[in-house]
């Protein structure tokens, strides 16, 4: 009787182990599907917000064509290079573009590979190459001085923008709703898995801000239900001066809208303090 019970317990444990290993294997092999949520359809353009814009095609170092928009502002104070988050595409960011226009900031926003009308399939290395293509367009094609470029990244885009800030010399860096790294986020979401071993996607914003040279503004909401407020504080604490922190109200996706004038004033003060315009 004892042997049969022991065998049954061993079979149950073996079953749990098999399921656990299967889940770990799925996470390891298909983690890109857990990170990237691209959409192809264009639902709007800056014209819907009364803004003129140019359709731009960017060419990456690995010869992919990316969709981008350049939205000029009247009496432009600077150009904001917009690295968006992991879902949707550039047509889902019209509200943000309109707010930046109110601040006198021209905007270059681009879709990562596999998003919108951009070619290819998204990957961490690929998104970095995509951001590099946007930077080269501003500097080499439009003749924009690096000191007049603000790198802006929201959520996953904050990791991309921070990566670019280490390699170039922009006038400023704004990180909104940023996570410290993908392994840190995964450890919170999947505490039962050895995600730091399994994670092939890093997006280490925390490491990047420790190496950046430009002024930094970290923007985060205490109510963010997706990326904990503590991530924004850790990023801010790890960065060298000059730096500022802007605390918002509201959820992950609409905190910048809910915070209204607080958000606009915080960004405007950052531009005035560090871009001298």
C-alpha atoms as a PDB file:
ATOM      1  CA  UNK A   1       0.000   0.000   0.000  1.00  0.00           C
ATOM      2  CA  UNK A   2       2.792   2.410   0.931  1.00  0.00           C
ATOM      3  CA  UNK A   3       4.609   1.675  -2.326  1.00  0.00           C
ATOM      4  CA  UNK A   4       1.531   2.386  -4.421  1.00  0.00           C
ATOM      5  CA  UNK A   5       0.948   5.693  -2.597  1.00  0.00           C
ATOM      6  CA  UNK A   6       4.580   6.601  -3.073  1.00  0.00           C
ATOM      7  CA  UNK A   7       4.363   5.807  -6.796  1.00  0.00           C
ATOM      8  CA  UNK A   8       1.222   7.895  -7.118  1.00  0.00           C
ATOM      9  CA  UNK A   9       2.874  10.856  -5.383  1.00  0.00           C
ATOM     10  CA  UNK A  10       5.923  10.520  -7.635  1.00  0.00           C
ATOM     11  CA  UNK A  11       3.689  10.461 -10.724  1.00  0.00           C
ATOM     12  CA  UNK A  12       1.889  13.601  -9.564  1.00  0.00           C
ATOM     13  CA  UNK A  13       5.180  15.372  -8.880  1.00  0.00           C
ATOM     14  CA  UNK A  14       6.514  14.264 -12.261  1.00  0.00           C
ATOM     15  CA  UNK A  15       3.369  15.643 -13.886  1.00  0.00           C
ATOM     16  CA  UNK A  16       3.789  19.002 -12.155  1.00  0.00           C
ATOM     17  CA  UNK A  17       7.448  19.080 -13.164  1.00  0.00           C
ATOM     18  CA  UNK A  18       6.566  18.336 -16.794  1.00  0.00           C
ATOM     19  CA  UNK A  19       3.969  21.122 -16.867  1.00  0.00           C
ATOM     20  CA  UNK A  20       6.407  23.538 -15.200  1.00  0.00           C
ATOM     21  CA  UNK A  21       9.125  22.753 -17.726  1.00  0.00           C
ATOM     22  CA  UNK A  22       6.642  23.106 -20.587  1.00  0.00           C
ATOM     23  CA  UNK A  23       5.554  26.548 -19.368  1.00  0.00           C
ATOM     24  CA  UNK A  24       9.194  27.601 -18.978  1.00  0.00           C
ATOM     25  CA  UNK A  25       9.961  26.376 -22.500  1.00  0.00           C
ATOM     26  CA  UNK A  26       7.013  28.287 -23.960  1.00  0.00           C
ATOM     27  CA  UNK A  27       8.121  31.477 -22.185  1.00  0.00           C
ATOM     28  CA  UNK A  28      11.676  31.019 -23.451  1.00  0.00           C
ATOM     29  CA  UNK A  29      10.722  30.303 -27.064  1.00  0.00           C
ATOM     30  CA  UNK A  30       7.762  32.647 -27.516  1.00  0.00           C
ATOM     31  CA  UNK A  31       8.596  35.555 -25.231  1.00  0.00           C
ATOM     32  CA  UNK A  32       8.516  38.020 -28.127  1.00  0.00           C
ATOM     33  CA  UNK A  33       4.766  37.418 -28.293  1.00  0.00           C
ATOM     34  CA  UNK A  34       4.540  38.410 -24.639  1.00  0.00           C
ATOM     35  CA  UNK A  35       6.404  41.682 -25.267  1.00  0.00           C
ATOM     36  CA  UNK A  36       5.342  43.013 -28.671  1.00  0.00           C
ATOM     37  CA  UNK A  37       1.727  43.771 -29.599  1.00  0.00           C
ATOM     38  CA  UNK A  38       1.893  45.469 -33.007  1.00  0.00           C
ATOM     39  CA  UNK A  39      -1.110  46.572 -35.022  1.00  0.00           C
ATOM     40  CA  UNK A  40      -1.000  47.153 -38.753  1.00  0.00           C
ATOM     41  CA  UNK A  41      -4.080  49.312 -39.389  1.00  0.00           C
ATOM     42  CA  UNK A  42      -3.803  53.106 -39.348  1.00  0.00           C
ATOM     43  CA  UNK A  43      -6.718  54.488 -37.355  1.00  0.00           C
ATOM     44  CA  UNK A  44      -5.875  58.195 -37.560  1.00  0.00           C
ATOM     45  CA  UNK A  45      -3.262  60.751 -38.596  1.00  0.00           C
ATOM     46  CA  UNK A  46      -2.070  64.074 -37.162  1.00  0.00           C
ATOM     47  CA  UNK A  47      -4.466  65.773 -39.567  1.00  0.00           C
ATOM     48  CA  UNK A  48      -7.348  64.635 -37.348  1.00  0.00           C
ATOM     49  CA  UNK A  49      -5.889  66.910 -34.647  1.00  0.00           C
ATOM     50  CA  UNK A  50      -5.510  69.783 -37.114  1.00  0.00           C
ATOM     51  CA  UNK A  51      -1.782  69.230 -37.552  1.00  0.00           C
ATOM     52  CA  UNK A  52       0.151  69.302 -40.815  1.00  0.00           C
ATOM     53  CA  UNK A  53       2.632  66.447 -41.201  1.00  0.00           C
ATOM     54  CA  UNK A  54       4.994  64.745 -43.620  1.00  0.00           C
ATOM     55  CA  UNK A  55       4.966  61.043 -44.464  1.00  0.00           C
ATOM     56  CA  UNK A  56       8.528  59.794 -44.036  1.00  0.00           C
ATOM     57  CA  UNK A  57      10.209  56.513 -44.948  1.00  0.00           C
ATOM     58  CA  UNK A  58      13.230  55.614 -42.840  1.00  0.00           C
ATOM     59  CA  UNK A  59      15.854  53.096 -43.940  1.00  0.00           C
ATOM     60  CA  UNK A  60      17.513  50.991 -41.247  1.00  0.00           C
ATOM     61  CA  UNK A  61      21.073  49.668 -41.267  1.00  0.00           C
ATOM     62  CA  UNK A  62      19.700  46.235 -42.132  1.00  0.00           C
ATOM     63  CA  UNK A  63      17.742  47.675 -45.089  1.00  0.00           C
ATOM     64  CA  UNK A  64      14.198  47.700 -43.749  1.00  0.00           C
ATOM     65  CA  UNK A  65      11.767  50.485 -44.575  1.00  0.00           C
ATOM     66  CA  UNK A  66       9.946  52.075 -41.644  1.00  0.00           C
ATOM     67  CA  UNK A  67       6.904  54.282 -41.609  1.00  0.00           C
ATOM     68  CA  UNK A  68       7.327  57.630 -39.842  1.00  0.00           C
ATOM     69  CA  UNK A  69       5.668  61.034 -39.543  1.00  0.00           C
ATOM     70  CA  UNK A  70       7.351  64.385 -39.115  1.00  0.00           C
ATOM     71  CA  UNK A  71       5.014  66.897 -37.480  1.00  0.00           C
ATOM     72  CA  UNK A  72       6.481  70.429 -37.498  1.00  0.00           C
ATOM     73  CA  UNK A  73       5.577  72.912 -34.772  1.00  0.00           C
ATOM     74  CA  UNK A  74       5.296  76.645 -35.278  1.00  0.00           C
ATOM     75  CA  UNK A  75       8.286  78.462 -33.776  1.00  0.00           C
ATOM     76  CA  UNK A  76       9.724  75.079 -32.852  1.00  0.00           C
ATOM     77  CA  UNK A  77      11.700  74.975 -29.596  1.00  0.00           C
ATOM     78  CA  UNK A  78      13.187  71.539 -30.334  1.00  0.00           C
ATOM     79  CA  UNK A  79      12.500  68.283 -32.153  1.00  0.00           C
ATOM     80  CA  UNK A  80      11.146  65.391 -30.107  1.00  0.00           C
ATOM     81  CA  UNK A  81      12.079  61.916 -31.359  1.00  0.00           C
ATOM     82  CA  UNK A  82       9.165  59.775 -30.151  1.00  0.00           C
ATOM     83  CA  UNK A  83       9.776  56.087 -29.318  1.00  0.00           C
ATOM     84  CA  UNK A  84       6.317  54.665 -28.570  1.00  0.00           C
ATOM     85  CA  UNK A  85       5.269  51.729 -26.398  1.00  0.00           C
ATOM     86  CA  UNK A  86       4.850  48.064 -27.223  1.00  0.00           C
ATOM     87  CA  UNK A  87       1.237  48.084 -28.477  1.00  0.00           C
ATOM     88  CA  UNK A  88      -0.559  49.602 -31.466  1.00  0.00           C
ATOM     89  CA  UNK A  89       1.345  51.872 -33.853  1.00  0.00           C
ATOM     90  CA  UNK A  90       2.042  55.567 -34.451  1.00  0.00           C
ATOM     91  CA  UNK A  91      -1.595  56.261 -35.318  1.00  0.00           C
ATOM     92  CA  UNK A  92      -2.537  55.509 -31.695  1.00  0.00           C
ATOM     93  CA  UNK A  93      -0.356  58.405 -30.453  1.00  0.00           C
ATOM     94  CA  UNK A  94      -2.208  61.412 -31.882  1.00  0.00           C
ATOM     95  CA  UNK A  95      -3.131  62.787 -28.434  1.00  0.00           C
ATOM     96  CA  UNK A  96       0.530  62.875 -27.446  1.00  0.00           C
ATOM     97  CA  UNK A  97       1.629  64.472 -30.707  1.00  0.00           C
ATOM     98  CA  UNK A  98      -1.003  67.200 -30.253  1.00  0.00           C
ATOM     99  CA  UNK A  99       0.223  67.932 -26.712  1.00  0.00           C
ATOM    100  CA  UNK A 100       3.818  68.178 -27.897  1.00  0.00           C
ATOM    101  CA  UNK A 101       2.718  70.588 -30.634  1.00  0.00           C
ATOM    102  CA  UNK A 102       1.126  72.788 -27.937  1.00  0.00           C
ATOM    103  CA  UNK A 103       4.528  72.897 -26.255  1.00  0.00           C
ATOM    104  CA  UNK A 104       6.185  74.090 -29.475  1.00  0.00           C
ATOM    105  CA  UNK A 105       7.913  70.775 -30.093  1.00  0.00           C
ATOM    106  CA  UNK A 106       8.212  69.332 -33.574  1.00  0.00           C
ATOM    107  CA  UNK A 107       7.826  65.555 -33.543  1.00  0.00           C
ATOM    108  CA  UNK A 108       9.374  62.671 -35.453  1.00  0.00           C
ATOM    109  CA  UNK A 109       7.453  59.519 -34.585  1.00  0.00           C
ATOM    110  CA  UNK A 110       8.227  56.199 -36.227  1.00  0.00           C
ATOM    111  CA  UNK A 111       6.880  52.676 -36.193  1.00  0.00           C
ATOM    112  CA  UNK A 112       9.206  49.869 -35.193  1.00  0.00           C
ATOM    113  CA  UNK A 113       9.684  47.013 -37.618  1.00  0.00           C
ATOM    114  CA  UNK A 114       6.523  44.928 -37.817  1.00  0.00           C
ATOM    115  CA  UNK A 115       4.325  47.804 -36.594  1.00  0.00           C
ATOM    116  CA  UNK A 116       1.979  49.814 -38.806  1.00  0.00           C
ATOM    117  CA  UNK A 117       3.338  49.941 -42.345  1.00  0.00           C
ATOM    118  CA  UNK A 118       6.929  49.218 -41.338  1.00  0.00           C
ATOM    119  CA  UNK A 119       8.636  46.144 -42.759  1.00  0.00           C
ATOM    120  CA  UNK A 120      10.061  43.278 -40.743  1.00  0.00           C
ATOM    121  CA  UNK A 121       9.414  41.576 -37.424  1.00  0.00           C
ATOM    122  CA  UNK A 122       9.975  43.255 -34.046  1.00  0.00           C
ATOM    123  CA  UNK A 123      12.956  42.318 -31.876  1.00  0.00           C
ATOM    124  CA  UNK A 124      15.015  44.084 -29.238  1.00  0.00           C
ATOM    125  CA  UNK A 125      18.008  44.603 -31.517  1.00  0.00           C
ATOM    126  CA  UNK A 126      15.664  45.602 -34.313  1.00  0.00           C
ATOM    127  CA  UNK A 127      13.970  48.352 -32.301  1.00  0.00           C
ATOM    128  CA  UNK A 128      17.387  49.787 -31.497  1.00  0.00           C
ATOM    129  CA  UNK A 129      18.284  49.829 -35.190  1.00  0.00           C
ATOM    130  CA  UNK A 130      14.939  51.491 -35.905  1.00  0.00           C
ATOM    131  CA  UNK A 131      15.595  54.276 -33.399  1.00  0.00           C
ATOM    132  CA  UNK A 132      19.051  54.735 -34.894  1.00  0.00           C
ATOM    133  CA  UNK A 133      17.497  55.206 -38.329  1.00  0.00           C
ATOM    134  CA  UNK A 134      15.199  57.921 -36.941  1.00  0.00           C
ATOM    135  CA  UNK A 135      18.151  59.704 -35.343  1.00  0.00           C
ATOM    136  CA  UNK A 136      20.170  59.615 -38.560  1.00  0.00           C
ATOM    137  CA  UNK A 137      17.227  61.017 -40.488  1.00  0.00           C
ATOM    138  CA  UNK A 138      16.973  64.021 -38.176  1.00  0.00           C
ATOM    139  CA  UNK A 139      20.704  64.728 -38.091  1.00  0.00           C
ATOM    140  CA  UNK A 140      21.808  63.782 -41.602  1.00  0.00           C
ATOM    141  CA  UNK A 141      18.718  64.467 -43.724  1.00  0.00           C
ATOM    142  CA  UNK A 142      17.008  67.326 -41.925  1.00  0.00           C
ATOM    143  CA  UNK A 143      20.237  68.803 -40.551  1.00  0.00           C
ATOM    144  CA  UNK A 144      18.941  68.989 -36.982  1.00  0.00           C
ATOM    145  CA  UNK A 145      21.621  69.707 -34.389  1.00  0.00           C
ATOM    146  CA  UNK A 146      21.845  66.880 -31.816  1.00  0.00           C
ATOM    147  CA  UNK A 147      21.533  69.464 -29.039  1.00  0.00           C
ATOM    148  CA  UNK A 148      18.101  70.388 -30.432  1.00  0.00           C
ATOM    149  CA  UNK A 149      16.783  66.813 -30.248  1.00  0.00           C
ATOM    150  CA  UNK A 150      14.871  65.457 -27.263  1.00  0.00           C
ATOM    151  CA  UNK A 151      14.613  61.685 -27.065  1.00  0.00           C
ATOM    152  CA  UNK A 152      11.213  60.675 -25.703  1.00  0.00           C
ATOM    153  CA  UNK A 153      10.220  57.132 -24.811  1.00  0.00           C
ATOM    154  CA  UNK A 154       7.052  55.790 -23.235  1.00  0.00           C
ATOM    155  CA  UNK A 155       6.928  52.359 -21.558  1.00  0.00           C
ATOM    156  CA  UNK A 156       8.937  49.972 -23.782  1.00  0.00           C
ATOM    157  CA  UNK A 157       9.922  52.990 -25.865  1.00  0.00           C
ATOM    158  CA  UNK A 158      11.692  54.423 -22.824  1.00  0.00           C
ATOM    159  CA  UNK A 159      14.143  51.530 -22.965  1.00  0.00           C
ATOM    160  CA  UNK A 160      14.718  52.213 -26.672  1.00  0.00           C
ATOM    161  CA  UNK A 161      15.186  55.957 -26.122  1.00  0.00           C
ATOM    162  CA  UNK A 162      17.571  55.390 -23.208  1.00  0.00           C
ATOM    163  CA  UNK A 163      19.641  53.005 -25.343  1.00  0.00           C
ATOM    164  CA  UNK A 164      19.934  55.683 -28.037  1.00  0.00           C
ATOM    165  CA  UNK A 165      20.837  58.361 -25.470  1.00  0.00           C
ATOM    166  CA  UNK A 166      23.917  56.352 -24.494  1.00  0.00           C
ATOM    167  CA  UNK A 167      25.145  56.201 -28.085  1.00  0.00           C
ATOM    168  CA  UNK A 168      24.302  59.710 -29.247  1.00  0.00           C
ATOM    169  CA  UNK A 169      24.380  63.140 -27.628  1.00  0.00           C
ATOM    170  CA  UNK A 170      20.842  64.555 -27.561  1.00  0.00           C
ATOM    171  CA  UNK A 171      19.787  67.741 -25.834  1.00  0.00           C
ATOM    172  CA  UNK A 172      17.613  65.812 -23.401  1.00  0.00           C
ATOM    173  CA  UNK A 173      15.953  62.499 -22.570  1.00  0.00           C
ATOM    174  CA  UNK A 174      12.378  62.041 -21.324  1.00  0.00           C
ATOM    175  CA  UNK A 175      11.354  58.624 -20.002  1.00  0.00           C
ATOM    176  CA  UNK A 176       7.648  58.183 -19.304  1.00  0.00           C
ATOM    177  CA  UNK A 177       6.075  55.158 -17.567  1.00  0.00           C
ATOM    178  CA  UNK A 178       9.404  53.349 -17.884  1.00  0.00           C
ATOM    179  CA  UNK A 179      10.276  49.929 -16.493  1.00  0.00           C
ATOM    180  CA  UNK A 180      13.752  49.140 -15.194  1.00  0.00           C
ATOM    181  CA  UNK A 181      14.126  46.041 -17.402  1.00  0.00           C
ATOM    182  CA  UNK A 182      12.114  43.211 -18.928  1.00  0.00           C
ATOM    183  CA  UNK A 183      13.522  40.630 -16.457  1.00  0.00           C
ATOM    184  CA  UNK A 184      12.424  42.874 -13.571  1.00  0.00           C
ATOM    185  CA  UNK A 185       8.914  43.121 -15.019  1.00  0.00           C
ATOM    186  CA  UNK A 186       8.772  39.401 -15.755  1.00  0.00           C
ATOM    187  CA  UNK A 187       9.886  38.534 -12.216  1.00  0.00           C
ATOM    188  CA  UNK A 188       6.886  40.486 -10.938  1.00  0.00           C
ATOM    189  CA  UNK A 189       4.443  38.882 -13.367  1.00  0.00           C
ATOM    190  CA  UNK A 190       5.813  35.320 -13.226  1.00  0.00           C
ATOM    191  CA  UNK A 191       7.373  34.900  -9.755  1.00  0.00           C
ATOM    192  CA  UNK A 192       7.153  31.106 -10.067  1.00  0.00           C
ATOM    193  CA  UNK A 193       9.550  31.006 -13.055  1.00  0.00           C
ATOM    194  CA  UNK A 194      13.329  31.622 -13.266  1.00  0.00           C
ATOM    195  CA  UNK A 195      12.679  34.491 -15.663  1.00  0.00           C
ATOM    196  CA  UNK A 196      16.096  36.103 -15.248  1.00  0.00           C
ATOM    197  CA  UNK A 197      17.589  32.967 -16.757  1.00  0.00           C
ATOM    198  CA  UNK A 198      14.868  32.533 -19.382  1.00  0.00           C
ATOM    199  CA  UNK A 199      14.704  36.129 -20.593  1.00  0.00           C
ATOM    200  CA  UNK A 200      16.320  36.675 -23.976  1.00  0.00           C
ATOM    201  CA  UNK A 201      14.825  40.181 -24.186  1.00  0.00           C
ATOM    202  CA  UNK A 202      16.419  42.643 -21.775  1.00  0.00           C
ATOM    203  CA  UNK A 203      15.484  46.296 -22.487  1.00  0.00           C
ATOM    204  CA  UNK A 204      17.604  47.409 -19.545  1.00  0.00           C
ATOM    205  CA  UNK A 205      16.555  51.024 -19.006  1.00  0.00           C
ATOM    206  CA  UNK A 206      18.169  51.108 -15.572  1.00  0.00           C
ATOM    207  CA  UNK A 207      21.589  50.257 -16.966  1.00  0.00           C
ATOM    208  CA  UNK A 208      21.250  52.779 -19.782  1.00  0.00           C
ATOM    209  CA  UNK A 209      20.406  55.766 -17.571  1.00  0.00           C
ATOM    210  CA  UNK A 210      23.511  55.111 -15.509  1.00  0.00           C
ATOM    211  CA  UNK A 211      25.548  55.743 -18.667  1.00  0.00           C
ATOM    212  CA  UNK A 212      23.627  58.609 -20.261  1.00  0.00           C
ATOM    213  CA  UNK A 213      25.252  62.045 -20.524  1.00  0.00           C
ATOM    214  CA  UNK A 214      22.296  64.322 -21.256  1.00  0.00           C
ATOM    215  CA  UNK A 215      19.690  65.923 -18.938  1.00  0.00           C
ATOM    216  CA  UNK A 216      16.964  63.477 -17.894  1.00  0.00           C
ATOM    217  CA  UNK A 217      13.280  63.851 -17.038  1.00  0.00           C
ATOM    218  CA  UNK A 218      11.568  60.793 -15.540  1.00  0.00           C
ATOM    219  CA  UNK A 219       7.762  60.897 -15.717  1.00  0.00           C
ATOM    220  CA  UNK A 220       5.670  58.331 -13.849  1.00  0.00           C
ATOM    221  CA  UNK A 221       2.246  58.017 -12.275  1.00  0.00           C
ATOM    222  CA  UNK A 222       1.758  56.757  -8.747  1.00  0.00           C
ATOM    223  CA  UNK A 223      -1.407  55.053 -10.084  1.00  0.00           C
ATOM    224  CA  UNK A 224       0.330  53.145 -12.888  1.00  0.00           C
ATOM    225  CA  UNK A 225      -1.219  49.678 -12.838  1.00  0.00           C
ATOM    226  CA  UNK A 226       1.170  48.103 -15.362  1.00  0.00           C
ATOM    227  CA  UNK A 227       4.630  49.459 -14.537  1.00  0.00           C
ATOM    228  CA  UNK A 228       5.003  50.057 -10.782  1.00  0.00           C
ATOM    229  CA  UNK A 229       5.861  53.569  -9.635  1.00  0.00           C
ATOM    230  CA  UNK A 230       8.927  52.090  -7.935  1.00  0.00           C
ATOM    231  CA  UNK A 231      10.465  51.402 -11.364  1.00  0.00           C
ATOM    232  CA  UNK A 232      10.378  55.097 -12.222  1.00  0.00           C
ATOM    233  CA  UNK A 233      11.902  56.017  -8.872  1.00  0.00           C
ATOM    234  CA  UNK A 234      14.700  53.459  -9.268  1.00  0.00           C
ATOM    235  CA  UNK A 235      15.513  54.786 -12.720  1.00  0.00           C
ATOM    236  CA  UNK A 236      15.607  58.344 -11.412  1.00  0.00           C
ATOM    237  CA  UNK A 237      17.748  57.424  -8.405  1.00  0.00           C
ATOM    238  CA  UNK A 238      20.263  55.561 -10.568  1.00  0.00           C
ATOM    239  CA  UNK A 239      20.820  58.416 -13.013  1.00  0.00           C
ATOM    240  CA  UNK A 240      23.446  61.113 -12.637  1.00  0.00           C
ATOM    241  CA  UNK A 241      22.568  64.802 -12.599  1.00  0.00           C
ATOM    242  CA  UNK A 242      21.148  66.772 -14.284  1.00  0.00           C
ATOM    243  CA  UNK A 243      17.778  65.097 -13.748  1.00  0.00           C
ATOM    244  CA  UNK A 244      14.191  65.867 -12.761  1.00  0.00           C
ATOM    245  CA  UNK A 245      11.212  63.759 -11.694  1.00  0.00           C
ATOM    246  CA  UNK A 246       7.594  64.487 -12.630  1.00  0.00           C
ATOM    247  CA  UNK A 247       4.890  62.597 -10.731  1.00  0.00           C
ATOM    248  CA  UNK A 248       1.585  62.165 -12.566  1.00  0.00           C
ATOM    249  CA  UNK A 249      -1.903  60.952 -11.718  1.00  0.00           C
ATOM    250  CA  UNK A 250      -3.832  58.322 -13.672  1.00  0.00           C
ATOM    251  CA  UNK A 251      -3.227  54.932 -15.208  1.00  0.00           C
ATOM    252  CA  UNK A 252      -0.421  53.664 -17.418  1.00  0.00           C
ATOM    253  CA  UNK A 253      -1.971  54.572 -20.753  1.00  0.00           C
ATOM    254  CA  UNK A 254      -3.725  57.863 -19.972  1.00  0.00           C
ATOM    255  CA  UNK A 255      -1.852  59.400 -17.051  1.00  0.00           C
ATOM    256  CA  UNK A 256      -0.415  62.103 -19.306  1.00  0.00           C
ATOM    257  CA  UNK A 257      -3.946  63.114 -20.336  1.00  0.00           C
ATOM    258  CA  UNK A 258      -5.490  62.874 -16.870  1.00  0.00           C
ATOM    259  CA  UNK A 259      -2.685  64.981 -15.387  1.00  0.00           C
ATOM    260  CA  UNK A 260      -3.332  67.725 -17.940  1.00  0.00           C
ATOM    261  CA  UNK A 261      -1.617  71.008 -17.107  1.00  0.00           C
ATOM    262  CA  UNK A 262       0.709  69.313 -14.603  1.00  0.00           C
ATOM    263  CA  UNK A 263       2.126  67.204 -17.421  1.00  0.00           C
ATOM    264  CA  UNK A 264       2.435  70.071 -19.881  1.00  0.00           C
ATOM    265  CA  UNK A 265       4.061  72.369 -17.358  1.00  0.00           C
ATOM    266  CA  UNK A 266       6.553  69.715 -16.289  1.00  0.00           C
ATOM    267  CA  UNK A 267       7.681  69.030 -19.851  1.00  0.00           C
ATOM    268  CA  UNK A 268       7.786  72.718 -20.748  1.00  0.00           C
ATOM    269  CA  UNK A 269       9.935  73.525 -17.715  1.00  0.00           C
ATOM    270  CA  UNK A 270      12.351  70.720 -18.617  1.00  0.00           C
ATOM    271  CA  UNK A 271      12.734  72.029 -22.174  1.00  0.00           C
ATOM    272  CA  UNK A 272      13.200  75.612 -20.934  1.00  0.00           C
ATOM    273  CA  UNK A 273      15.800  74.575 -18.350  1.00  0.00           C
ATOM    274  CA  UNK A 274      18.012  72.402 -20.506  1.00  0.00           C
ATOM    275  CA  UNK A 275      17.470  73.250 -24.167  1.00  0.00           C
ATOM    276  CA  UNK A 276      17.756  77.007 -23.663  1.00  0.00           C
ATOM    277  CA  UNK A 277      14.732  77.736 -25.885  1.00  0.00           C
END
